[in-house]
Amino acid sequence: MRNFLLLLTLIQLSLLAYGCGEDRSGEQPFAPTLGESSCVVDGDSAFLTGTVTASPNSSLRECGFQYGNDTLSARCVAPEPLPEFTAVTDSLGAGDYYAVPYARNGMGTSYGDTLYFVIE
């Protein structure tokens, strides 16, 4: 029983240490700031590029694009959350589409300007 209580105590302490995250005490929280983004259509896919101009209080955790049209809503995530990131859509049918870049850090998620593109 004593070993069991010791084990529970160690588990609780490790969970507390794991859940703390980055120490940002004394700082004003800021979500990332997105800059310019672009789109290049290649066949039935779009290569989307975005930039994060600032992430002052926390490291980037995820970058990508939400895209779609009037009947589709999807997301493509960059392989790595970098200040300049690229993501590729799935195969798309002919039509008009939009894409909105986003970046997430420990403080929040920000969205950039909407891009519009056409798949022939």
Protein backbone atom coordinates (compact mmCIF):
# COMPACT_ATOMS: atom_id res chain seq x y z
CA MET A 1 0.00 0.00 0.00
CA ARG A 2 2.86 2.37 0.82
CA ASN A 3 4.45 1.76 -2.61
CA PHE A 4 1.11 2.40 -4.26
CA LEU A 5 0.74 5.79 -2.56
CA LEU A 6 4.29 6.69 -3.50
CA LEU A 7 3.58 5.74 -7.11
CA LEU A 8 0.42 7.88 -7.17
CA THR A 9 2.33 10.83 -5.73
CA LEU A 10 5.05 10.51 -8.37
CA ILE A 11 2.46 10.33 -11.14
CA GLN A 12 0.73 13.47 -9.86
CA LEU A 13 4.01 15.37 -9.65
CA SER A 14 5.02 14.35 -13.16
CA LEU A 15 1.61 15.42 -14.52
CA LEU A 16 1.97 18.80 -12.85
CA ALA A 17 5.43 19.29 -14.31
CA TYR A 18 4.30 18.18 -17.77
CA GLY A 19 1.25 20.47 -17.84
CA CYS A 20 3.12 23.65 -16.96
CA GLY A 21 4.29 24.48 -20.50
CA GLU A 22 6.33 27.58 -21.23
CA ASP A 23 6.71 30.06 -18.37
CA ARG A 24 5.32 33.37 -19.61
CA SER A 25 4.70 35.07 -16.28
CA GLY A 26 5.07 38.80 -16.51
CA GLU A 27 4.49 38.88 -20.28
CA GLN A 28 1.43 40.00 -22.16
CA PRO A 29 0.14 37.05 -24.20
CA PHE A 30 0.23 37.40 -27.99
CA ALA A 31 -0.92 35.00 -30.64
CA PRO A 32 1.25 34.81 -33.80
CA THR A 33 1.15 37.54 -36.44
CA LEU A 34 0.73 36.40 -40.02
CA GLY A 35 2.19 38.19 -43.02
CA GLU A 36 1.87 37.65 -46.75
CA SER A 37 0.60 34.40 -48.21
CA SER A 38 0.43 33.06 -51.75
CA CYS A 39 -1.03 30.26 -53.82
CA VAL A 40 0.24 28.39 -56.88
CA VAL A 41 -2.20 26.04 -58.62
CA ASP A 42 -0.67 22.92 -60.16
CA GLY A 43 -3.20 20.65 -61.85
CA ASP A 44 -5.85 19.72 -59.31
CA SER A 45 -3.93 20.86 -56.21
CA ALA A 46 -2.86 24.18 -54.73
CA PHE A 47 0.53 24.85 -53.14
CA LEU A 48 -0.11 27.37 -50.38
CA THR A 49 2.66 29.40 -48.72
CA GLY A 50 2.31 31.59 -45.66
CA THR A 51 4.57 33.60 -43.38
CA VAL A 52 4.56 34.23 -39.65
CA THR A 53 6.12 37.63 -38.97
CA ALA A 54 6.09 37.33 -35.17
CA SER A 55 5.41 34.86 -32.40
CA PRO A 56 6.82 36.84 -29.46
CA ASN A 57 5.64 34.93 -26.42
CA SER A 58 5.65 31.33 -27.49
CA SER A 59 7.09 28.98 -30.08
CA LEU A 60 4.94 28.01 -33.06
CA ARG A 61 2.97 24.79 -32.63
CA GLU A 62 1.05 24.49 -35.89
CA CYS A 63 0.79 26.32 -39.21
CA GLY A 64 -1.43 25.62 -42.19
CA PHE A 65 -4.44 26.63 -44.22
CA GLN A 66 -8.17 26.16 -43.98
CA TYR A 67 -9.56 25.92 -47.48
CA GLY A 68 -12.74 25.10 -49.32
CA ASN A 69 -15.67 26.41 -51.32
CA ASP A 70 -19.44 26.48 -50.86
CA THR A 71 -19.60 22.69 -50.34
CA LEU A 72 -16.12 21.80 -49.03
CA SER A 73 -14.30 22.69 -45.84
CA ALA A 74 -10.86 21.17 -45.26
CA ARG A 75 -7.50 21.86 -43.67
CA CYS A 76 -3.93 21.25 -44.78
CA VAL A 77 -1.17 21.45 -42.19
CA ALA A 78 2.46 22.34 -42.87
CA PRO A 79 4.90 19.50 -42.09
CA GLU A 80 6.74 21.75 -39.60
CA PRO A 81 5.61 24.96 -37.87
CA LEU A 82 8.17 27.39 -39.34
CA PRO A 83 8.08 31.18 -39.93
CA GLU A 84 7.68 30.41 -43.64
CA PHE A 85 5.43 27.41 -44.17
CA THR A 86 3.98 25.55 -47.13
CA ALA A 87 1.05 23.17 -47.32
CA VAL A 88 -0.59 21.35 -50.22
CA THR A 89 -4.31 20.77 -50.68
CA ASP A 90 -5.82 17.41 -51.52
CA SER A 91 -6.91 16.82 -55.12
CA LEU A 92 -9.71 19.26 -55.91
CA GLY A 93 -12.42 19.33 -58.53
CA ALA A 94 -12.85 22.22 -60.94
CA GLY A 95 -14.15 25.40 -59.33
CA ASP A 96 -13.46 28.47 -57.23
CA TYR A 97 -11.82 28.01 -53.82
CA TYR A 98 -10.63 30.04 -50.85
CA ALA A 99 -7.74 29.44 -48.45
CA VAL A 100 -7.10 31.12 -45.08
CA PRO A 101 -3.64 30.81 -43.47
CA TYR A 102 -3.43 30.20 -39.75
CA ALA A 103 -0.71 29.84 -37.14
CA ARG A 104 -1.02 28.59 -33.56
CA ASN A 105 1.35 29.06 -30.63
CA GLY A 106 0.90 28.56 -26.89
CA MET A 107 -0.99 31.85 -26.59
CA GLY A 108 -3.58 31.38 -29.34
CA THR A 109 -4.40 31.04 -33.03
CA SER A 110 -4.28 33.81 -35.64
CA TYR A 111 -5.66 33.91 -39.16
CA GLY A 112 -4.34 35.77 -42.19
CA ASP A 113 -5.95 37.29 -45.25
CA THR A 114 -8.11 35.08 -47.46
CA LEU A 115 -6.64 33.84 -50.75
CA TYR A 116 -8.84 32.93 -53.71
CA PHE A 117 -7.86 30.49 -56.46
CA VAL A 118 -9.43 28.57 -59.33
CA ILE A 119 -8.94 24.93 -60.29
CA GLU A 120 -9.58 24.47 -64.02
